[in-house]
């Protein structure tokens, strides 16, 4: 999945500003990587509400992104940087990317797009999605906790023909 933020590079927030913005929204969020400025990194390892995750980040010029997604062209004005967030089926990554995108909207008036469905996200839309991601994380954690305490079933290994012949001569 790919979400892209278009913004002015000069307005990029620091790691601390991103963390503070997200924590002020009521989430327990920490970036585990060591960097100060949110630029030139190739991914972020972070923790949201106790769940650790990682996702990739790419920095490009907007022209590289809009040549394949021309529906964005009409919205861009003076944005000189495109930040692409790439992740798989990971609810913690989805929640983290959404909240980082909110911080980018708050700190540098970023325009946020989910390229796979050609959707432009507003701050409100991103904040509305966050509880759903967090709820799915809780479900996963409960399921993992329930299954951790279960005794695993051990199925006997099926015997092959060689093993059966050996049993005959025992």
C-alpha atoms as a PDB file:
ATOM      1  CA  UNK A   1       0.000   0.000   0.000  1.00  0.00           C
ATOM      2  CA  UNK A   2       1.243   3.484  -0.761  1.00  0.00           C
ATOM      3  CA  UNK A   3       0.356   6.783   0.844  1.00  0.00           C
ATOM      4  CA  UNK A   4       2.079   9.965  -0.325  1.00  0.00           C
ATOM      5  CA  UNK A   5       2.482  13.363   1.309  1.00  0.00           C
ATOM      6  CA  UNK A   6       3.286  16.371  -0.881  1.00  0.00           C
ATOM      7  CA  UNK A   7       4.889  19.260   0.986  1.00  0.00           C
ATOM      8  CA  UNK A   8       7.593  21.896   1.060  1.00  0.00           C
ATOM      9  CA  UNK A   9      10.918  20.447   2.173  1.00  0.00           C
ATOM     10  CA  UNK A  10      11.740  23.608   4.137  1.00  0.00           C
ATOM     11  CA  UNK A  11       8.715  22.955   6.386  1.00  0.00           C
ATOM     12  CA  UNK A  12       9.555  19.346   7.307  1.00  0.00           C
ATOM     13  CA  UNK A  13       9.206  18.678  11.056  1.00  0.00           C
ATOM     14  CA  UNK A  14      11.769  17.043  13.303  1.00  0.00           C
ATOM     15  CA  UNK A  15      11.404  13.580  14.807  1.00  0.00           C
ATOM     16  CA  UNK A  16      10.519  15.172  18.146  1.00  0.00           C
ATOM     17  CA  UNK A  17       7.847  17.404  16.600  1.00  0.00           C
ATOM     18  CA  UNK A  18       6.215  14.389  14.934  1.00  0.00           C
ATOM     19  CA  UNK A  19       6.245  12.359  18.171  1.00  0.00           C
ATOM     20  CA  UNK A  20       4.850  15.266  20.218  1.00  0.00           C
ATOM     21  CA  UNK A  21       2.095  15.955  17.687  1.00  0.00           C
ATOM     22  CA  UNK A  22       0.970  12.319  17.708  1.00  0.00           C
ATOM     23  CA  UNK A  23       1.192  11.978  21.481  1.00  0.00           C
ATOM     24  CA  UNK A  24      -0.957  15.116  21.830  1.00  0.00           C
ATOM     25  CA  UNK A  25      -3.607  13.294  19.789  1.00  0.00           C
ATOM     26  CA  UNK A  26      -3.813  10.693  22.569  1.00  0.00           C
ATOM     27  CA  UNK A  27      -1.657   7.889  21.187  1.00  0.00           C
ATOM     28  CA  UNK A  28       1.425   6.455  22.822  1.00  0.00           C
ATOM     29  CA  UNK A  29       3.852   6.884  19.932  1.00  0.00           C
ATOM     30  CA  UNK A  30       7.619   6.656  19.699  1.00  0.00           C
ATOM     31  CA  UNK A  31       9.981   6.620  16.731  1.00  0.00           C
ATOM     32  CA  UNK A  32      12.719   4.108  17.534  1.00  0.00           C
ATOM     33  CA  UNK A  33      15.161   5.238  14.818  1.00  0.00           C
ATOM     34  CA  UNK A  34      17.868   7.782  15.542  1.00  0.00           C
ATOM     35  CA  UNK A  35      17.440  10.845  13.324  1.00  0.00           C
ATOM     36  CA  UNK A  36      16.620  14.466  13.935  1.00  0.00           C
ATOM     37  CA  UNK A  37      15.216  15.779  10.685  1.00  0.00           C
ATOM     38  CA  UNK A  38      12.488  13.933   8.878  1.00  0.00           C
ATOM     39  CA  UNK A  39      14.320  13.731   5.553  1.00  0.00           C
ATOM     40  CA  UNK A  40      16.528  11.292   3.678  1.00  0.00           C
ATOM     41  CA  UNK A  41      15.591   8.304   5.808  1.00  0.00           C
ATOM     42  CA  UNK A  42      14.571   5.062   4.099  1.00  0.00           C
ATOM     43  CA  UNK A  43      12.146   3.773   6.709  1.00  0.00           C
ATOM     44  CA  UNK A  44      10.834   4.194  10.209  1.00  0.00           C
ATOM     45  CA  UNK A  45      10.747   1.711  13.033  1.00  0.00           C
ATOM     46  CA  UNK A  46       8.291   2.886  15.649  1.00  0.00           C
ATOM     47  CA  UNK A  47       5.968   1.814  18.432  1.00  0.00           C
ATOM     48  CA  UNK A  48       2.314   2.758  18.655  1.00  0.00           C
ATOM     49  CA  UNK A  49       0.368   1.858  21.785  1.00  0.00           C
ATOM     50  CA  UNK A  50       2.965  -0.811  22.577  1.00  0.00           C
ATOM     51  CA  UNK A  51       2.927  -2.401  19.105  1.00  0.00           C
ATOM     52  CA  UNK A  52       6.229  -2.267  17.228  1.00  0.00           C
ATOM     53  CA  UNK A  53       6.217  -1.807  13.444  1.00  0.00           C
ATOM     54  CA  UNK A  54       8.306  -0.757  10.458  1.00  0.00           C
ATOM     55  CA  UNK A  55       7.504   0.783   7.081  1.00  0.00           C
ATOM     56  CA  UNK A  56       9.487   2.131   4.150  1.00  0.00           C
ATOM     57  CA  UNK A  57       9.789   5.813   3.226  1.00  0.00           C
ATOM     58  CA  UNK A  58      10.955   7.332  -0.053  1.00  0.00           C
ATOM     59  CA  UNK A  59      11.612  10.996  -0.799  1.00  0.00           C
ATOM     60  CA  UNK A  60      11.074  12.122  -4.393  1.00  0.00           C
ATOM     61  CA  UNK A  61      10.288  15.185  -6.394  1.00  0.00           C
ATOM     62  CA  UNK A  62       6.525  15.457  -7.018  1.00  0.00           C
ATOM     63  CA  UNK A  63       6.931  15.078 -10.806  1.00  0.00           C
ATOM     64  CA  UNK A  64       8.130  11.476 -10.321  1.00  0.00           C
ATOM     65  CA  UNK A  65       4.907  10.592  -8.505  1.00  0.00           C
ATOM     66  CA  UNK A  66       2.379  12.530 -10.552  1.00  0.00           C
ATOM     67  CA  UNK A  67       3.550  11.147 -13.891  1.00  0.00           C
ATOM     68  CA  UNK A  68       1.832   7.898 -12.846  1.00  0.00           C
ATOM     69  CA  UNK A  69      -0.939   9.552 -10.812  1.00  0.00           C
ATOM     70  CA  UNK A  70      -2.024  12.568 -12.808  1.00  0.00           C
ATOM     71  CA  UNK A  71      -5.196  13.060 -10.729  1.00  0.00           C
ATOM     72  CA  UNK A  72      -2.968  14.862  -8.183  1.00  0.00           C
ATOM     73  CA  UNK A  73      -1.611  17.497 -10.593  1.00  0.00           C
ATOM     74  CA  UNK A  74      -4.521  19.918 -10.153  1.00  0.00           C
ATOM     75  CA  UNK A  75      -3.948  20.158  -6.366  1.00  0.00           C
ATOM     76  CA  UNK A  76      -0.214  20.888  -6.302  1.00  0.00           C
ATOM     77  CA  UNK A  77       1.060  24.436  -6.030  1.00  0.00           C
ATOM     78  CA  UNK A  78       4.488  24.997  -4.447  1.00  0.00           C
ATOM     79  CA  UNK A  79       5.162  21.540  -2.967  1.00  0.00           C
ATOM     80  CA  UNK A  80       8.709  20.462  -3.830  1.00  0.00           C
ATOM     81  CA  UNK A  81       8.875  17.096  -2.037  1.00  0.00           C
ATOM     82  CA  UNK A  82       6.872  13.884  -2.162  1.00  0.00           C
ATOM     83  CA  UNK A  83       7.167  11.508   0.799  1.00  0.00           C
ATOM     84  CA  UNK A  84       5.971   7.989  -0.035  1.00  0.00           C
ATOM     85  CA  UNK A  85       5.034   5.602   2.773  1.00  0.00           C
ATOM     86  CA  UNK A  86       4.992   1.933   1.737  1.00  0.00           C
ATOM     87  CA  UNK A  87       3.584  -0.846   3.926  1.00  0.00           C
ATOM     88  CA  UNK A  88       1.857  -4.218   3.821  1.00  0.00           C
ATOM     89  CA  UNK A  89      -1.018  -5.673   5.816  1.00  0.00           C
ATOM     90  CA  UNK A  90       0.136  -4.248   9.141  1.00  0.00           C
ATOM     91  CA  UNK A  91      -2.408  -2.319  11.200  1.00  0.00           C
ATOM     92  CA  UNK A  92       0.268  -0.732  13.407  1.00  0.00           C
ATOM     93  CA  UNK A  93       2.053   0.594  10.304  1.00  0.00           C
ATOM     94  CA  UNK A  94      -1.234   1.893   8.888  1.00  0.00           C
ATOM     95  CA  UNK A  95      -2.078   3.717  12.114  1.00  0.00           C
ATOM     96  CA  UNK A  96       1.449   5.143  12.397  1.00  0.00           C
ATOM     97  CA  UNK A  97       1.528   6.364   8.799  1.00  0.00           C
ATOM     98  CA  UNK A  98      -1.898   7.951   9.189  1.00  0.00           C
ATOM     99  CA  UNK A  99      -0.815   9.791  12.337  1.00  0.00           C
ATOM    100  CA  UNK A 100       2.504  10.882  10.844  1.00  0.00           C
ATOM    101  CA  UNK A 101       0.483  12.200   7.899  1.00  0.00           C
ATOM    102  CA  UNK A 102      -1.674  14.197  10.341  1.00  0.00           C
ATOM    103  CA  UNK A 103       1.518  15.638  11.838  1.00  0.00           C
ATOM    104  CA  UNK A 104       2.703  16.559   8.331  1.00  0.00           C
ATOM    105  CA  UNK A 105      -0.614  18.296   7.644  1.00  0.00           C
ATOM    106  CA  UNK A 106      -0.374  20.166  10.960  1.00  0.00           C
ATOM    107  CA  UNK A 107       3.294  21.117  10.652  1.00  0.00           C
ATOM    108  CA  UNK A 108       3.695  21.783   6.926  1.00  0.00           C
ATOM    109  CA  UNK A 109       0.251  21.792   5.307  1.00  0.00           C
ATOM    110  CA  UNK A 110       0.970  18.543   3.466  1.00  0.00           C
ATOM    111  CA  UNK A 111      -1.431  17.144   0.885  1.00  0.00           C
ATOM    112  CA  UNK A 112      -2.001  13.430   1.560  1.00  0.00           C
ATOM    113  CA  UNK A 113      -3.006  10.838  -1.052  1.00  0.00           C
ATOM    114  CA  UNK A 114      -3.628   7.109  -0.953  1.00  0.00           C
ATOM    115  CA  UNK A 115      -2.460   6.202  -4.439  1.00  0.00           C
ATOM    116  CA  UNK A 116      -3.923   2.705  -4.649  1.00  0.00           C
ATOM    117  CA  UNK A 117      -7.493   4.088  -4.601  1.00  0.00           C
ATOM    118  CA  UNK A 118      -6.767   7.631  -5.863  1.00  0.00           C
ATOM    119  CA  UNK A 119      -8.083   9.228  -2.674  1.00  0.00           C
ATOM    120  CA  UNK A 120      -7.024  12.526  -1.154  1.00  0.00           C
ATOM    121  CA  UNK A 121      -7.120  12.340   2.635  1.00  0.00           C
ATOM    122  CA  UNK A 122      -8.004  15.219   4.892  1.00  0.00           C
ATOM    123  CA  UNK A 123      -6.841  15.491   8.486  1.00  0.00           C
ATOM    124  CA  UNK A 124     -10.334  14.512   9.635  1.00  0.00           C
ATOM    125  CA  UNK A 125     -10.408  11.411   7.434  1.00  0.00           C
ATOM    126  CA  UNK A 126      -7.042  10.247   8.748  1.00  0.00           C
ATOM    127  CA  UNK A 127      -8.112  10.791  12.352  1.00  0.00           C
ATOM    128  CA  UNK A 128     -11.367   8.921  11.703  1.00  0.00           C
ATOM    129  CA  UNK A 129      -9.421   5.905  10.369  1.00  0.00           C
ATOM    130  CA  UNK A 130      -7.016   5.766  13.324  1.00  0.00           C
ATOM    131  CA  UNK A 131      -9.403   4.206  15.890  1.00  0.00           C
ATOM    132  CA  UNK A 132     -10.218   1.429  13.416  1.00  0.00           C
ATOM    133  CA  UNK A 133      -6.529   0.611  12.959  1.00  0.00           C
ATOM    134  CA  UNK A 134      -5.971   0.695  16.724  1.00  0.00           C
ATOM    135  CA  UNK A 135      -8.970  -1.567  17.322  1.00  0.00           C
ATOM    136  CA  UNK A 136      -7.571  -4.121  14.864  1.00  0.00           C
ATOM    137  CA  UNK A 137      -4.208  -4.004  16.683  1.00  0.00           C
ATOM    138  CA  UNK A 138      -6.022  -4.758  19.962  1.00  0.00           C
ATOM    139  CA  UNK A 139      -7.848  -7.691  18.335  1.00  0.00           C
ATOM    140  CA  UNK A 140      -4.565  -9.104  17.055  1.00  0.00           C
ATOM    141  CA  UNK A 141      -2.946  -8.743  20.468  1.00  0.00           C
ATOM    142  CA  UNK A 142      -5.888 -10.452  22.217  1.00  0.00           C
ATOM    143  CA  UNK A 143      -5.887 -13.285  19.691  1.00  0.00           C
ATOM    144  CA  UNK A 144      -2.118 -13.746  20.066  1.00  0.00           C
ATOM    145  CA  UNK A 145      -2.414 -13.712  23.855  1.00  0.00           C
ATOM    146  CA  UNK A 146      -5.236 -16.289  23.814  1.00  0.00           C
ATOM    147  CA  UNK A 147      -3.342 -18.590  21.494  1.00  0.00           C
ATOM    148  CA  UNK A 148      -0.075 -18.212  23.372  1.00  0.00           C
ATOM    149  CA  UNK A 149      -1.594 -19.936  26.403  1.00  0.00           C
ATOM    150  CA  UNK A 150      -3.079 -22.764  24.351  1.00  0.00           C
ATOM    151  CA  UNK A 151      -1.314 -26.064  24.259  1.00  0.00           C
ATOM    152  CA  UNK A 152      -0.228 -26.727  20.725  1.00  0.00           C
ATOM    153  CA  UNK A 153      -1.546 -29.884  19.147  1.00  0.00           C
ATOM    154  CA  UNK A 154       1.106 -32.274  17.988  1.00  0.00           C
ATOM    155  CA  UNK A 155       0.064 -34.526  15.190  1.00  0.00           C
ATOM    156  CA  UNK A 156       1.916 -37.782  14.711  1.00  0.00           C
ATOM    157  CA  UNK A 157       4.135 -37.815  11.696  1.00  0.00           C
ATOM    158  CA  UNK A 158       2.790 -40.055   8.970  1.00  0.00           C
ATOM    159  CA  UNK A 159       5.026 -42.962   8.298  1.00  0.00           C
ATOM    160  CA  UNK A 160       6.380 -43.442   4.858  1.00  0.00           C
ATOM    161  CA  UNK A 161       6.779 -46.824   3.207  1.00  0.00           C
ATOM    162  CA  UNK A 162      10.416 -47.133   4.347  1.00  0.00           C
ATOM    163  CA  UNK A 163       9.430 -46.553   7.998  1.00  0.00           C
ATOM    164  CA  UNK A 164       6.640 -49.134   7.759  1.00  0.00           C
ATOM    165  CA  UNK A 165       9.042 -51.736   6.359  1.00  0.00           C
ATOM    166  CA  UNK A 166      11.492 -51.024   9.185  1.00  0.00           C
ATOM    167  CA  UNK A 167       8.656 -51.575  11.706  1.00  0.00           C
ATOM    168  CA  UNK A 168       8.007 -55.023  10.222  1.00  0.00           C
ATOM    169  CA  UNK A 169      11.610 -56.127  10.867  1.00  0.00           C
ATOM    170  CA  UNK A 170      11.871 -54.826  14.434  1.00  0.00           C
END
